[in-house]
Structures are given as structure tokens and as C-alpha cells.
Amino acid sequence: MKIIEVPTTKQLYVVSGRSHLPLAEEIADCLGVELGEPNLSEFANGEIHCRYGESIRGADVFIIQSHTHLDELTLNDSLMEQLIMVDAAKRASAKRISVVCPYYGYARQDRKAEGREPISAKLVADLFRAAGATRLVSVDLHSGQIQGFFDGPVDHLTAAPVLLDYCRTDLPDNLVIVSPDTGRVKVAEKYANKLGADIAIVHKRHVKGQKNAVEAREVIGNVDGRPCVLLDDMIDTAGTICSAADLLIERGASGVWALATHGLFSGPAVDRLKNSRIDKVVVTNTLPLPPEKQFDKVEVLSVAPVIADAIRAVFEDTSVSEIFDGENLS
């Protein structure tokens, strides 16, 4: 019997949905590849259609999509679009399919806070797995436990390298890293250790039964006469971050900077931030920032190199955690 030997070749295929093409294009540039063409379109009734423009049989496919609202595309549309792209890739015989979600939708619904609630972050993970995804890549998930929701490898990236560089080069010395609530204390401690800074904590409470309603109560730690950096994973309606900034100023802080990975800026957020006592609002480009959400105080940093490094490591079967010295795992 004659045995036919075929040399194994690896094909990297990076493609994007429509929610945040500029970020996907920047990631592709960092990788030195061109984005694939998914030929996304909609039927008259709004159903989404996808057909890849080239063969992806045997390819390592990375499907990039931030779950967000943009123009006519709702967050749910962007999520469904990515699921459909995964299904199309599976049926086109892709070897491995990685979903890259710079911002993972429904991440805040990661547990039951009250009775009769869903755990929607788990549902989203199940949907990706059912569609055919073999790996999930995301940046600064709202809680680390979401990594366990997906039945497969999860690469939990962090924007820390980008935000830390900003702190070192653009902010005053003698910083205090401030956690806006007790849930972010570990992250704040990591930043403080890297920067040789002190740490403070804002004690707050959620108003029961009201979404996005919080009350800042007290500051634990000395901020008098010190520049303060409020550190969070996201800024949504900005109620938490603005009330925390007011409290820090009342306790004598010389200035307040707000740093977050994800700038959602929903509802009253832009007006609140414009009129707040925050000196600068720094976010990354995990989410698009349309013109109506841009204002003088905001600065956007790019996480494209971080995501590109992770995609390259996955494709080459090397360590992703080494990119972050293992500090992306919690």
C-alpha cells in the first residue's frame, strides 16, 4: 500500500464583523495580514447573511467583533452577526475558529444578584460553543469567572500594558491608584505595585432595584494633596466614576484621572463626564467612539498590538500569558 504524505501548512485568516472595523484593520496591520472578506449583508427583513469570499478550509480563523451598538447595528445584532460568521466558518471546514471579542457583551450578567435572573454571560459563551467556536479571546472581562463559562480555551487579555505606559509617561508622580469599589481592589493593587504607588478604595453601594444607580460613601486611604487615578474595567453611564471623583476631591485629592478599558459612554455619560471634576478620561479602543461621544477630556489608547500579539501566539501555538508575564489570569 502506498502512503501519501502531505506537508502540513498553516493558514492564518483574520476577519471582522461590522461593529468596529477600524480596530480590526489595525490588528490586521500589526499582524501583517489583510482582513478576509465575509460579505456580510442583510435580507429585507433584517436577517444577517455571511459568505466568505475565499476558501478557509483547514485555516486558523479569528473572527473579531466587539459587542456594541453602532449606527443601525445594535449590540444584539453584533453578537448575532459574530455567531453567524462562526457558523459559516465551521461549515466552510475551518480547522480552528477563535472568536475575538475585545468587549464581551452581557459580561455584567455573570451571576444571579437577585431571584429569577439569568446568567447571560454564560448563555453567550454557550452560544459561541454551539455555533462552532473552539477558543474565545477577550480583553478585561468584567469578572474572571467568565473564563469558566466557555467550554474550551479562553485567552483573557488585559489592557494593563497600555494603561500602565500612560500612567508612567503622562501622569504626575506620587500617584494614588483608586479602586472605585471593593470588586476592583486586586486590579488596583497590581497597578499600584507596578507603579510604586499607594492605593485607596471608594466604598460604594448599589441602590437595590435600580440599574446603574450607586452611592459613593467613603474613601479608605489617604488621598489628601495627591493626584488620584480611578481605575475600572468600563465606564458605562459614568455615575460610579463621577460620584467617586467628587468624593476624592472632597477628601483633598489634587486631581483625578479616570482610566478604563472599555468606554461604553451610555445615556448621560458624556454630559456627566464633561461636567465632572475629572481632569482626564482615558479609555482604550476596544469599543468604537463615534463623534457624538468624543469630547475634550477623553483620550483613546489602542489595544490593537496587544490583541495582535495574542492572535499571533495562538496561531503559532506559543504562550499567551507570557505576553503579560502571567498577570492576565485573574
C-alpha atoms as a PDB file:
ATOM      1  CA  MET A   1       0.000   0.000   0.000  1.00  0.00           C
ATOM      2  CA  LYS A   2       1.336   3.378  -0.974  1.00  0.00           C
ATOM      3  CA  ILE A   3       1.174   6.071   1.752  1.00  0.00           C
ATOM      4  CA  ILE A   4       0.683   9.640   0.578  1.00  0.00           C
ATOM      5  CA  GLU A   5       2.387  12.220   2.804  1.00  0.00           C
ATOM      6  CA  VAL A   6       1.217  15.808   2.624  1.00  0.00           C
ATOM      7  CA  PRO A   7       3.268  18.506   4.403  1.00  0.00           C
ATOM      8  CA  THR A   8       1.205  20.379   6.970  1.00  0.00           C
ATOM      9  CA  THR A   9       0.668  24.042   6.195  1.00  0.00           C
ATOM     10  CA  LYS A  10      -0.920  26.610   8.490  1.00  0.00           C
ATOM     11  CA  GLN A  11      -3.112  29.409   7.221  1.00  0.00           C
ATOM     12  CA  LEU A  12      -3.941  32.448   9.344  1.00  0.00           C
ATOM     13  CA  TYR A  13      -7.273  34.004   8.416  1.00  0.00           C
ATOM     14  CA  VAL A  14      -8.427  37.141  10.237  1.00  0.00           C
ATOM     15  CA  VAL A  15     -11.880  38.529   9.565  1.00  0.00           C
ATOM     16  CA  SER A  16     -14.124  41.101  11.193  1.00  0.00           C
ATOM     17  CA  GLY A  17     -17.764  41.859  11.685  1.00  0.00           C
ATOM     18  CA  ARG A  18     -19.070  45.363  11.127  1.00  0.00           C
ATOM     19  CA  SER A  19     -19.218  46.738  14.669  1.00  0.00           C
ATOM     20  CA  HIS A  20     -15.630  48.042  14.890  1.00  0.00           C
ATOM     21  CA  LEU A  21     -13.752  47.723  11.600  1.00  0.00           C
ATOM     22  CA  PRO A  22     -11.043  50.321  12.419  1.00  0.00           C
ATOM     23  CA  LEU A  23      -9.797  48.208  15.351  1.00  0.00           C
ATOM     24  CA  ALA A  24      -9.838  45.030  13.246  1.00  0.00           C
ATOM     25  CA  GLU A  25      -7.899  46.766  10.476  1.00  0.00           C
ATOM     26  CA  GLU A  26      -5.310  47.959  12.991  1.00  0.00           C
ATOM     27  CA  ILE A  27      -4.960  44.424  14.377  1.00  0.00           C
ATOM     28  CA  ALA A  28      -4.502  43.067  10.841  1.00  0.00           C
ATOM     29  CA  ASP A  29      -1.826  45.704  10.161  1.00  0.00           C
ATOM     30  CA  CYS A  30       0.039  44.651  13.313  1.00  0.00           C
ATOM     31  CA  LEU A  31      -0.086  41.046  12.103  1.00  0.00           C
ATOM     32  CA  GLY A  32       0.969  41.954   8.570  1.00  0.00           C
ATOM     33  CA  VAL A  33      -2.126  40.366   7.001  1.00  0.00           C
ATOM     34  CA  GLU A  34      -5.200  41.588   5.181  1.00  0.00           C
ATOM     35  CA  LEU A  35      -8.664  41.177   6.619  1.00  0.00           C
ATOM     36  CA  GLY A  36     -10.739  38.468   4.976  1.00  0.00           C
ATOM     37  CA  GLU A  37     -13.989  39.316   3.219  1.00  0.00           C
ATOM     38  CA  PRO A  38     -17.111  37.909   4.949  1.00  0.00           C
ATOM     39  CA  ASN A  39     -19.528  39.585   2.504  1.00  0.00           C
ATOM     40  CA  LEU A  40     -21.966  40.490   5.255  1.00  0.00           C
ATOM     41  CA  SER A  41     -25.390  41.646   4.149  1.00  0.00           C
ATOM     42  CA  GLU A  42     -28.963  41.727   5.343  1.00  0.00           C
ATOM     43  CA  PHE A  43     -32.185  40.453   3.867  1.00  0.00           C
ATOM     44  CA  ALA A  44     -35.148  42.800   3.636  1.00  0.00           C
ATOM     45  CA  ASN A  45     -36.485  41.554   6.978  1.00  0.00           C
ATOM     46  CA  GLY A  46     -33.179  42.227   8.785  1.00  0.00           C
ATOM     47  CA  GLU A  47     -31.749  38.687   8.801  1.00  0.00           C
ATOM     48  CA  ILE A  48     -27.939  38.688   8.539  1.00  0.00           C
ATOM     49  CA  HIS A  49     -26.131  36.711   5.828  1.00  0.00           C
ATOM     50  CA  CYS A  50     -22.437  35.813   5.542  1.00  0.00           C
ATOM     51  CA  ARG A  51     -20.445  34.133   2.774  1.00  0.00           C
ATOM     52  CA  TYR A  52     -16.649  34.091   2.897  1.00  0.00           C
ATOM     53  CA  GLY A  53     -15.033  35.339  -0.284  1.00  0.00           C
ATOM     54  CA  GLU A  54     -12.217  32.780  -0.300  1.00  0.00           C
ATOM     55  CA  SER A  55     -11.582  29.205   0.787  1.00  0.00           C
ATOM     56  CA  ILE A  56     -10.880  28.843   4.502  1.00  0.00           C
ATOM     57  CA  ARG A  57     -10.709  25.041   4.547  1.00  0.00           C
ATOM     58  CA  GLY A  58      -8.137  23.990   7.132  1.00  0.00           C
ATOM     59  CA  ALA A  59      -7.470  27.579   8.208  1.00  0.00           C
ATOM     60  CA  ASP A  60      -6.976  29.052  11.675  1.00  0.00           C
ATOM     61  CA  VAL A  61      -9.841  31.571  11.628  1.00  0.00           C
ATOM     62  CA  PHE A  62     -10.034  34.545  14.006  1.00  0.00           C
ATOM     63  CA  ILE A  63     -13.373  36.375  13.948  1.00  0.00           C
ATOM     64  CA  ILE A  64     -13.155  39.852  15.506  1.00  0.00           C
ATOM     65  CA  GLN A  65     -16.243  41.609  16.806  1.00  0.00           C
ATOM     66  CA  SER A  66     -16.885  43.953  19.731  1.00  0.00           C
ATOM     67  CA  HIS A  67     -20.403  43.620  21.061  1.00  0.00           C
ATOM     68  CA  THR A  68     -21.651  47.161  20.831  1.00  0.00           C
ATOM     69  CA  HIS A  69     -24.235  49.461  19.360  1.00  0.00           C
ATOM     70  CA  LEU A  70     -23.138  51.348  16.243  1.00  0.00           C
ATOM     71  CA  ASP A  71     -25.409  53.194  13.826  1.00  0.00           C
ATOM     72  CA  GLU A  72     -28.107  50.707  12.754  1.00  0.00           C
ATOM     73  CA  LEU A  73     -26.288  47.751  14.336  1.00  0.00           C
ATOM     74  CA  THR A  74     -27.423  47.032  17.899  1.00  0.00           C
ATOM     75  CA  LEU A  75     -25.388  45.107  20.471  1.00  0.00           C
ATOM     76  CA  ASN A  76     -27.604  42.087  19.876  1.00  0.00           C
ATOM     77  CA  ASP A  77     -27.095  42.445  16.110  1.00  0.00           C
ATOM     78  CA  SER A  78     -23.317  42.483  16.525  1.00  0.00           C
ATOM     79  CA  LEU A  79     -23.462  39.387  18.731  1.00  0.00           C
ATOM     80  CA  MET A  80     -25.723  37.523  16.291  1.00  0.00           C
ATOM     81  CA  GLU A  81     -23.540  38.597  13.363  1.00  0.00           C
ATOM     82  CA  GLN A  82     -20.474  37.070  15.006  1.00  0.00           C
ATOM     83  CA  LEU A  83     -22.358  33.843  15.750  1.00  0.00           C
ATOM     84  CA  ILE A  84     -23.417  33.591  12.096  1.00  0.00           C
ATOM     85  CA  MET A  85     -19.810  34.185  10.983  1.00  0.00           C
ATOM     86  CA  VAL A  86     -18.673  31.363  13.282  1.00  0.00           C
ATOM     87  CA  ASP A  87     -21.290  29.013  11.849  1.00  0.00           C
ATOM     88  CA  ALA A  88     -20.283  29.910   8.283  1.00  0.00           C
ATOM     89  CA  ALA A  89     -16.613  29.256   9.107  1.00  0.00           C
ATOM     90  CA  LYS A  90     -17.442  25.878  10.670  1.00  0.00           C
ATOM     91  CA  ARG A  91     -19.448  24.829   7.611  1.00  0.00           C
ATOM     92  CA  ALA A  92     -16.584  26.021   5.382  1.00  0.00           C
ATOM     93  CA  SER A  93     -14.305  23.459   7.122  1.00  0.00           C
ATOM     94  CA  ALA A  94     -12.102  25.856   9.075  1.00  0.00           C
ATOM     95  CA  LYS A  95      -9.616  23.931  11.230  1.00  0.00           C
ATOM     96  CA  ARG A  96      -9.912  26.144  14.337  1.00  0.00           C
ATOM     97  CA  ILE A  97     -12.273  29.037  14.999  1.00  0.00           C
ATOM     98  CA  SER A  98     -11.391  31.670  17.586  1.00  0.00           C
ATOM     99  CA  VAL A  99     -13.873  34.390  18.477  1.00  0.00           C
ATOM    100  CA  VAL A 100     -12.097  37.618  19.393  1.00  0.00           C
ATOM    101  CA  CYS A 101     -14.395  39.827  21.489  1.00  0.00           C
ATOM    102  CA  PRO A 102     -12.469  42.932  22.583  1.00  0.00           C
ATOM    103  CA  TYR A 103     -15.635  43.805  24.522  1.00  0.00           C
ATOM    104  CA  TYR A 104     -17.691  40.774  25.588  1.00  0.00           C
ATOM    105  CA  GLY A 105     -21.396  41.538  25.659  1.00  0.00           C
ATOM    106  CA  TYR A 106     -23.540  40.703  28.711  1.00  0.00           C
ATOM    107  CA  ALA A 107     -20.392  40.341  30.857  1.00  0.00           C
ATOM    108  CA  ARG A 108     -22.019  42.116  33.811  1.00  0.00           C
ATOM    109  CA  GLN A 109     -24.704  39.446  33.986  1.00  0.00           C
ATOM    110  CA  ASP A 110     -22.225  36.912  35.355  1.00  0.00           C
ATOM    111  CA  ARG A 111     -24.202  35.770  38.429  1.00  0.00           C
ATOM    112  CA  LYS A 112     -27.632  35.901  39.995  1.00  0.00           C
ATOM    113  CA  ALA A 113     -27.721  39.029  42.144  1.00  0.00           C
ATOM    114  CA  GLU A 114     -31.459  38.627  42.794  1.00  0.00           C
ATOM    115  CA  GLY A 115     -34.008  35.883  42.306  1.00  0.00           C
ATOM    116  CA  ARG A 116     -35.408  34.938  38.892  1.00  0.00           C
ATOM    117  CA  GLU A 117     -32.479  36.490  36.957  1.00  0.00           C
ATOM    118  CA  PRO A 118     -30.492  34.954  34.073  1.00  0.00           C
ATOM    119  CA  ILE A 119     -26.739  34.439  33.891  1.00  0.00           C
ATOM    120  CA  SER A 120     -26.494  35.892  30.410  1.00  0.00           C
ATOM    121  CA  ALA A 121     -22.682  35.856  30.248  1.00  0.00           C
ATOM    122  CA  LYS A 122     -22.852  32.052  30.438  1.00  0.00           C
ATOM    123  CA  LEU A 123     -25.559  31.961  27.774  1.00  0.00           C
ATOM    124  CA  VAL A 124     -23.357  33.969  25.379  1.00  0.00           C
ATOM    125  CA  ALA A 125     -20.464  31.557  25.968  1.00  0.00           C
ATOM    126  CA  ASP A 126     -22.762  28.579  25.287  1.00  0.00           C
ATOM    127  CA  LEU A 127     -23.979  30.195  22.063  1.00  0.00           C
ATOM    128  CA  PHE A 128     -20.425  30.602  20.774  1.00  0.00           C
ATOM    129  CA  ARG A 129     -19.603  26.999  21.592  1.00  0.00           C
ATOM    130  CA  ALA A 130     -22.795  25.722  19.948  1.00  0.00           C
ATOM    131  CA  ALA A 131     -22.040  27.794  16.824  1.00  0.00           C
ATOM    132  CA  GLY A 132     -18.648  26.091  16.467  1.00  0.00           C
ATOM    133  CA  ALA A 133     -16.090  28.333  18.197  1.00  0.00           C
ATOM    134  CA  THR A 134     -13.130  26.437  19.650  1.00  0.00           C
ATOM    135  CA  ARG A 135     -11.496  29.336  21.507  1.00  0.00           C
ATOM    136  CA  LEU A 136     -12.525  32.681  22.990  1.00  0.00           C
ATOM    137  CA  VAL A 137     -10.301  35.763  23.247  1.00  0.00           C
ATOM    138  CA  SER A 138     -11.398  38.869  25.144  1.00  0.00           C
ATOM    139  CA  VAL A 139      -9.971  41.921  26.901  1.00  0.00           C
ATOM    140  CA  ASP A 140     -10.555  42.711  30.584  1.00  0.00           C
ATOM    141  CA  LEU A 141     -13.679  40.689  31.218  1.00  0.00           C
ATOM    142  CA  HIS A 142     -15.935  42.161  33.890  1.00  0.00           C
ATOM    143  CA  SER A 143     -15.137  39.181  36.112  1.00  0.00           C
ATOM    144  CA  GLY A 144     -12.578  36.414  35.790  1.00  0.00           C
ATOM    145  CA  GLN A 145     -15.166  33.690  36.370  1.00  0.00           C
ATOM    146  CA  ILE A 146     -16.488  34.196  32.822  1.00  0.00           C
ATOM    147  CA  GLN A 147     -13.417  32.270  31.645  1.00  0.00           C
ATOM    148  CA  GLY A 148     -15.047  29.173  33.109  1.00  0.00           C
ATOM    149  CA  PHE A 149     -18.313  29.717  31.245  1.00  0.00           C
ATOM    150  CA  PHE A 150     -16.817  28.745  27.871  1.00  0.00           C
ATOM    151  CA  ASP A 151     -16.197  25.044  27.274  1.00  0.00           C
ATOM    152  CA  GLY A 152     -12.799  25.468  25.663  1.00  0.00           C
ATOM    153  CA  PRO A 153      -9.631  27.590  25.910  1.00  0.00           C
ATOM    154  CA  VAL A 154     -10.130  31.240  26.889  1.00  0.00           C
ATOM    155  CA  ASP A 155      -7.416  33.868  26.490  1.00  0.00           C
ATOM    156  CA  HIS A 156      -8.208  36.651  28.922  1.00  0.00           C
ATOM    157  CA  LEU A 157      -6.144  39.610  27.744  1.00  0.00           C
ATOM    158  CA  THR A 158      -5.637  42.823  29.657  1.00  0.00           C
ATOM    159  CA  ALA A 159      -5.128  46.442  28.653  1.00  0.00           C
ATOM    160  CA  ALA A 160      -2.778  46.898  31.609  1.00  0.00           C
ATOM    161  CA  PRO A 161       0.411  47.295  29.494  1.00  0.00           C
ATOM    162  CA  VAL A 162      -1.180  50.169  27.561  1.00  0.00           C
ATOM    163  CA  LEU A 163      -2.700  51.893  30.605  1.00  0.00           C
ATOM    164  CA  LEU A 164       0.443  51.474  32.696  1.00  0.00           C
ATOM    165  CA  ASP A 165       2.555  53.120  29.979  1.00  0.00           C
ATOM    166  CA  TYR A 166       0.143  56.063  30.036  1.00  0.00           C
ATOM    167  CA  CYS A 167       0.441  56.358  33.818  1.00  0.00           C
ATOM    168  CA  ARG A 168       4.237  56.335  33.626  1.00  0.00           C
ATOM    169  CA  THR A 169       4.567  58.904  30.849  1.00  0.00           C
ATOM    170  CA  ASP A 170       1.555  61.224  31.147  1.00  0.00           C
ATOM    171  CA  LEU A 171       0.614  61.438  34.817  1.00  0.00           C
ATOM    172  CA  PRO A 172       2.259  63.191  37.785  1.00  0.00           C
ATOM    173  CA  ASP A 173       4.411  61.407  40.362  1.00  0.00           C
ATOM    174  CA  ASN A 174       3.188  60.462  43.833  1.00  0.00           C
ATOM    175  CA  LEU A 175       0.054  58.804  42.389  1.00  0.00           C
ATOM    176  CA  VAL A 176      -2.673  57.081  44.355  1.00  0.00           C
ATOM    177  CA  ILE A 177      -4.397  54.257  42.458  1.00  0.00           C
ATOM    178  CA  VAL A 178      -8.035  54.230  43.494  1.00  0.00           C
ATOM    179  CA  SER A 179     -10.407  51.307  43.194  1.00  0.00           C
ATOM    180  CA  PRO A 180     -13.933  52.659  42.629  1.00  0.00           C
ATOM    181  CA  ASP A 181     -15.375  49.699  44.559  1.00  0.00           C
ATOM    182  CA  THR A 182     -14.201  46.677  46.528  1.00  0.00           C
ATOM    183  CA  GLY A 183     -14.503  44.403  43.495  1.00  0.00           C
ATOM    184  CA  ARG A 184     -11.580  46.075  41.697  1.00  0.00           C
ATOM    185  CA  VAL A 185      -9.129  46.121  44.616  1.00  0.00           C
ATOM    186  CA  LYS A 186      -6.920  43.296  43.289  1.00  0.00           C
ATOM    187  CA  VAL A 187      -6.541  45.019  39.930  1.00  0.00           C
ATOM    188  CA  ALA A 188      -5.753  48.340  41.622  1.00  0.00           C
ATOM    189  CA  GLU A 189      -3.114  46.607  43.752  1.00  0.00           C
ATOM    190  CA  LYS A 190      -1.421  45.204  40.644  1.00  0.00           C
ATOM    191  CA  TYR A 191      -1.247  48.660  39.073  1.00  0.00           C
ATOM    192  CA  ALA A 192      -0.002  50.195  42.324  1.00  0.00           C
ATOM    193  CA  ASN A 193       2.756  47.578  42.629  1.00  0.00           C
ATOM    194  CA  LYS A 194       3.889  48.160  39.048  1.00  0.00           C
ATOM    195  CA  LEU A 195       3.948  51.933  39.527  1.00  0.00           C
ATOM    196  CA  GLY A 196       5.241  52.027  43.092  1.00  0.00           C
ATOM    197  CA  ALA A 197       2.078  53.932  44.036  1.00  0.00           C
ATOM    198  CA  ASP A 198      -0.238  53.911  47.032  1.00  0.00           C
ATOM    199  CA  ILE A 199      -3.783  52.552  46.906  1.00  0.00           C
ATOM    200  CA  ALA A 200      -7.162  53.799  48.085  1.00  0.00           C
ATOM    201  CA  ILE A 201     -10.665  52.355  47.885  1.00  0.00           C
ATOM    202  CA  VAL A 202     -14.009  54.084  47.407  1.00  0.00           C
ATOM    203  CA  HIS A 203     -16.723  52.392  49.405  1.00  0.00           C
ATOM    204  CA  LYS A 204     -19.981  52.489  47.493  1.00  0.00           C
ATOM    205  CA  ARG A 205     -23.289  50.706  47.452  1.00  0.00           C
ATOM    206  CA  HIS A 206     -25.676  49.856  44.633  1.00  0.00           C
ATOM    207  CA  VAL A 207     -29.204  51.138  45.063  1.00  0.00           C
ATOM    208  CA  LYS A 208     -31.310  47.971  45.256  1.00  0.00           C
ATOM    209  CA  GLY A 209     -33.710  47.544  42.359  1.00  0.00           C
ATOM    210  CA  GLN A 210     -32.159  50.368  40.298  1.00  0.00           C
ATOM    211  CA  LYS A 211     -29.781  49.644  37.423  1.00  0.00           C
ATOM    212  CA  ASN A 212     -26.698  51.890  37.120  1.00  0.00           C
ATOM    213  CA  ALA A 213     -27.544  53.602  40.433  1.00  0.00           C
ATOM    214  CA  VAL A 214     -24.753  53.803  43.022  1.00  0.00           C
ATOM    215  CA  GLU A 215     -23.858  55.912  46.027  1.00  0.00           C
ATOM    216  CA  ALA A 216     -20.224  56.688  46.930  1.00  0.00           C
ATOM    217  CA  ARG A 217     -19.933  56.692  50.713  1.00  0.00           C
ATOM    218  CA  GLU A 218     -16.325  56.938  51.913  1.00  0.00           C
ATOM    219  CA  VAL A 219     -12.665  56.786  50.875  1.00  0.00           C
ATOM    220  CA  ILE A 220     -10.417  54.226  52.533  1.00  0.00           C
ATOM    221  CA  GLY A 221      -6.845  55.526  52.304  1.00  0.00           C
ATOM    222  CA  ASN A 222      -5.072  58.889  52.294  1.00  0.00           C
ATOM    223  CA  VAL A 223      -5.602  60.975  49.145  1.00  0.00           C
ATOM    224  CA  ASP A 224      -5.090  64.449  50.629  1.00  0.00           C
ATOM    225  CA  GLY A 225      -2.958  66.568  48.290  1.00  0.00           C
ATOM    226  CA  ARG A 226      -2.313  63.602  45.973  1.00  0.00           C
ATOM    227  CA  PRO A 227      -3.164  63.012  42.286  1.00  0.00           C
ATOM    228  CA  CYS A 228      -5.620  60.099  42.046  1.00  0.00           C
ATOM    229  CA  VAL A 229      -6.231  57.566  39.289  1.00  0.00           C
ATOM    230  CA  LEU A 230      -9.661  55.943  39.320  1.00  0.00           C
ATOM    231  CA  LEU A 231      -9.267  52.535  37.703  1.00  0.00           C
ATOM    232  CA  ASP A 232     -12.176  50.473  36.344  1.00  0.00           C
ATOM    233  CA  ASP A 233     -12.872  47.910  33.638  1.00  0.00           C
ATOM    234  CA  MET A 234     -15.571  50.035  31.989  1.00  0.00           C
ATOM    235  CA  ILE A 235     -17.333  53.384  32.065  1.00  0.00           C
ATOM    236  CA  ASP A 236     -20.991  52.983  31.148  1.00  0.00           C
ATOM    237  CA  THR A 237     -23.315  55.745  32.380  1.00  0.00           C
ATOM    238  CA  ALA A 238     -20.389  57.230  34.386  1.00  0.00           C
ATOM    239  CA  GLY A 239     -22.414  57.511  37.609  1.00  0.00           C
ATOM    240  CA  THR A 240     -19.919  55.444  39.621  1.00  0.00           C
ATOM    241  CA  ILE A 241     -16.802  57.181  38.360  1.00  0.00           C
ATOM    242  CA  CYS A 242     -18.182  60.735  38.700  1.00  0.00           C
ATOM    243  CA  SER A 243     -19.510  60.246  42.234  1.00  0.00           C
ATOM    244  CA  ALA A 244     -16.173  58.667  43.217  1.00  0.00           C
ATOM    245  CA  ALA A 245     -14.286  61.648  41.737  1.00  0.00           C
ATOM    246  CA  ASP A 246     -16.453  64.088  43.727  1.00  0.00           C
ATOM    247  CA  LEU A 247     -15.704  62.194  46.913  1.00  0.00           C
ATOM    248  CA  LEU A 248     -11.951  62.148  46.203  1.00  0.00           C
ATOM    249  CA  ILE A 249     -11.892  65.905  45.608  1.00  0.00           C
ATOM    250  CA  GLU A 250     -13.840  66.431  48.843  1.00  0.00           C
ATOM    251  CA  ARG A 251     -11.165  64.389  50.637  1.00  0.00           C
ATOM    252  CA  GLY A 252      -8.438  66.651  49.287  1.00  0.00           C
ATOM    253  CA  ALA A 253      -7.217  64.980  46.087  1.00  0.00           C
ATOM    254  CA  SER A 254      -5.188  67.389  43.943  1.00  0.00           C
ATOM    255  CA  GLY A 255      -6.590  65.957  40.718  1.00  0.00           C
ATOM    256  CA  VAL A 256      -8.488  62.934  39.394  1.00  0.00           C
ATOM    257  CA  TRP A 257      -7.879  60.892  36.253  1.00  0.00           C
ATOM    258  CA  ALA A 258     -10.267  58.117  35.197  1.00  0.00           C
ATOM    259  CA  LEU A 259      -8.777  55.110  33.386  1.00  0.00           C
ATOM    260  CA  ALA A 260     -10.885  52.275  31.984  1.00  0.00           C
ATOM    261  CA  THR A 261     -10.516  49.604  29.331  1.00  0.00           C
ATOM    262  CA  HIS A 262     -14.000  49.891  27.849  1.00  0.00           C
ATOM    263  CA  GLY A 263     -15.608  53.267  27.131  1.00  0.00           C
ATOM    264  CA  LEU A 264     -19.300  52.500  26.664  1.00  0.00           C
ATOM    265  CA  PHE A 265     -20.451  56.067  27.467  1.00  0.00           C
ATOM    266  CA  SER A 266     -24.156  55.212  27.506  1.00  0.00           C
ATOM    267  CA  GLY A 267     -27.046  57.594  28.139  1.00  0.00           C
ATOM    268  CA  PRO A 268     -25.974  60.602  30.247  1.00  0.00           C
ATOM    269  CA  ALA A 269     -22.302  59.543  30.439  1.00  0.00           C
ATOM    270  CA  VAL A 270     -20.824  62.168  28.103  1.00  0.00           C
ATOM    271  CA  ASP A 271     -22.586  65.079  29.816  1.00  0.00           C
ATOM    272  CA  ARG A 272     -21.689  63.726  33.244  1.00  0.00           C
ATOM    273  CA  LEU A 273     -18.021  63.361  32.344  1.00  0.00           C
ATOM    274  CA  LYS A 274     -17.861  66.767  30.660  1.00  0.00           C
ATOM    275  CA  ASN A 275     -19.261  68.435  33.778  1.00  0.00           C
ATOM    276  CA  SER A 276     -17.389  66.276  36.279  1.00  0.00           C
ATOM    277  CA  ARG A 277     -14.343  67.122  38.364  1.00  0.00           C
ATOM    278  CA  ILE A 278     -12.301  64.537  36.458  1.00  0.00           C
ATOM    279  CA  ASP A 279      -9.261  66.034  34.697  1.00  0.00           C
ATOM    280  CA  LYS A 280      -8.937  63.367  32.002  1.00  0.00           C
ATOM    281  CA  VAL A 281     -10.871  60.285  30.907  1.00  0.00           C
ATOM    282  CA  VAL A 282      -8.644  57.629  29.335  1.00  0.00           C
ATOM    283  CA  VAL A 283     -10.129  54.559  27.633  1.00  0.00           C
ATOM    284  CA  THR A 284      -8.949  52.072  25.027  1.00  0.00           C
ATOM    285  CA  ASN A 285     -10.356  51.358  21.585  1.00  0.00           C
ATOM    286  CA  THR A 286     -11.995  48.025  22.448  1.00  0.00           C
ATOM    287  CA  LEU A 287     -15.202  49.865  21.540  1.00  0.00           C
ATOM    288  CA  PRO A 288     -15.757  52.449  18.788  1.00  0.00           C
ATOM    289  CA  LEU A 289     -16.100  56.036  19.928  1.00  0.00           C
ATOM    290  CA  PRO A 290     -18.424  57.844  17.499  1.00  0.00           C
ATOM    291  CA  PRO A 291     -18.155  61.649  17.110  1.00  0.00           C
ATOM    292  CA  GLU A 292     -21.068  62.334  19.471  1.00  0.00           C
ATOM    293  CA  LYS A 293     -19.191  60.574  22.278  1.00  0.00           C
ATOM    294  CA  GLN A 294     -15.909  62.411  21.757  1.00  0.00           C
ATOM    295  CA  PHE A 295     -15.113  65.391  23.981  1.00  0.00           C
ATOM    296  CA  ASP A 296     -12.086  67.385  25.132  1.00  0.00           C
ATOM    297  CA  LYS A 297     -11.412  65.352  28.278  1.00  0.00           C
ATOM    298  CA  VAL A 298     -11.356  61.950  26.575  1.00  0.00           C
ATOM    299  CA  GLU A 299      -8.254  60.208  25.248  1.00  0.00           C
ATOM    300  CA  VAL A 300      -8.299  56.844  23.454  1.00  0.00           C
ATOM    301  CA  LEU A 301      -5.384  54.392  23.571  1.00  0.00           C
ATOM    302  CA  SER A 302      -5.015  51.432  21.216  1.00  0.00           C
ATOM    303  CA  VAL A 303      -5.031  47.786  22.337  1.00  0.00           C
ATOM    304  CA  ALA A 304      -4.567  46.511  18.767  1.00  0.00           C
ATOM    305  CA  PRO A 305      -0.904  45.484  19.367  1.00  0.00           C
ATOM    306  CA  VAL A 306      -1.912  43.518  22.477  1.00  0.00           C
ATOM    307  CA  ILE A 307      -4.680  41.645  20.627  1.00  0.00           C
ATOM    308  CA  ALA A 308      -2.421  41.064  17.614  1.00  0.00           C
ATOM    309  CA  ASP A 309       0.300  39.579  19.844  1.00  0.00           C
ATOM    310  CA  ALA A 310      -2.280  37.211  21.359  1.00  0.00           C
ATOM    311  CA  ILE A 311      -3.587  36.125  17.947  1.00  0.00           C
ATOM    312  CA  ARG A 312      -0.024  35.502  16.768  1.00  0.00           C
ATOM    313  CA  ALA A 313       0.718  33.414  19.882  1.00  0.00           C
ATOM    314  CA  VAL A 314      -2.436  31.314  19.424  1.00  0.00           C
ATOM    315  CA  PHE A 315      -1.680  30.764  15.740  1.00  0.00           C
ATOM    316  CA  GLU A 316       1.924  29.767  16.471  1.00  0.00           C
ATOM    317  CA  ASP A 317       0.897  27.637  19.489  1.00  0.00           C
ATOM    318  CA  THR A 318       3.019  29.646  21.908  1.00  0.00           C
ATOM    319  CA  SER A 319       2.118  31.075  25.317  1.00  0.00           C
ATOM    320  CA  VAL A 320      -0.343  33.967  25.547  1.00  0.00           C
ATOM    321  CA  SER A 321       0.145  34.503  29.278  1.00  0.00           C
ATOM    322  CA  GLU A 322       3.869  35.164  28.735  1.00  0.00           C
ATOM    323  CA  ILE A 323       2.897  38.343  26.873  1.00  0.00           C
ATOM    324  CA  PHE A 324       1.622  39.662  30.222  1.00  0.00           C
ATOM    325  CA  ASP A 325       4.112  37.833  32.478  1.00  0.00           C
ATOM    326  CA  GLY A 326       1.218  35.687  33.680  1.00  0.00           C
ATOM    327  CA  GLU A 327      -0.629  38.653  35.203  1.00  0.00           C
ATOM    328  CA  ASN A 328      -3.658  38.382  32.896  1.00  0.00           C
ATOM    329  CA  LEU A 329      -5.005  35.257  34.564  1.00  0.00           C
ATOM    330  CA  SER A 330      -7.060  36.735  37.407  1.00  0.00           C
END
